[in-house]
Amino acid sequence: MSEHKFLPQPYFLINKEFDILEFSDKSADVFDFSTNFLDLTDWESQGKLKNILGNSESRPEGEIIMKTKESPYALFDISVKWNQDECHVICIEKDHRLAELERIVEKHRVRLAETNLELLEKKEQIEKTLNEIRNLSCPFIRLTTRAALVPLFGNLDHELILQNGTRILEMSQDGSYLEILFDFNGVGELTNEGVEAFIALVKELQLMGLAPSIIGIKPAHAIYLNSAASVPDVPFLNSLSKAFKKSVY
């Protein structure tokens, strides 16, 4: 018994007249029985097939339309190898292979869409967390009936002032405040945009009749404030305790 019958792809052993001498079990599953290999191909492809099979000097390959049990127009890649007067032919259905590739691509596309959704959800969660952090980084604390403390934490950038500026202005109007103390002891780095936004907030408070003060300026902070387009005309206090004494007593 020939071992060729157990090959996992359609296989044929043919002679120079294209008569089928042997074939694999897979061939019988895919094609209707025929004694001549040409009968398995579309008539328009028979000329191309003869050219491929007629080249016995090398191992040619090509695409051929063949007639299967499922379709009269199935595209196959065929590979041939001559051994004296006999030719070994392997047929691989290209449509089937493309379908497999399409399924793989579709699987990756679905996974990519799921990943993008997961990343979007994580991005939204991160943005929500950052917003909460920025709110906590700029609390408004009532000290007395006339004074409130706004300790700043983290980096003083445009986003921090943009997110909290309106809230500070509204809370400053809610009471009978006269002084707003901005504490810089918890501030890390400053940005030029953040400083400009902070100075604009200070000026708005001054227009409302409030007296802002700045506490705990470090040398690195002073460089940014001094290089700003307009330096805020406010008191600068060394420590929070001095500010408390000034505001409470």
Foldseek 3Di string as FASTA:
>chain_A
DDPQQDDPFWKFKAFPQQFTPDIHVNVVVWAPDDRGPLQFFDPVQSVVVCVQVVPAPDWDKDWTFGCTPVHRGWIWIKIWYDDVGMIMITTDTPVVVVVVVVVVVVVVVVVVVVVVVVVVVVVVVVVVVVLVVLDVQWDWADDDQAEIETEGAEEQALVSCVSCLVVVVVVNVVGNYAEYEYECQRYDYYDLRSLVSVLVSCVVCVVVNHAYEYECQDPNNVVSQVPHPDRRPHHYYHHPVVVSVVVVD
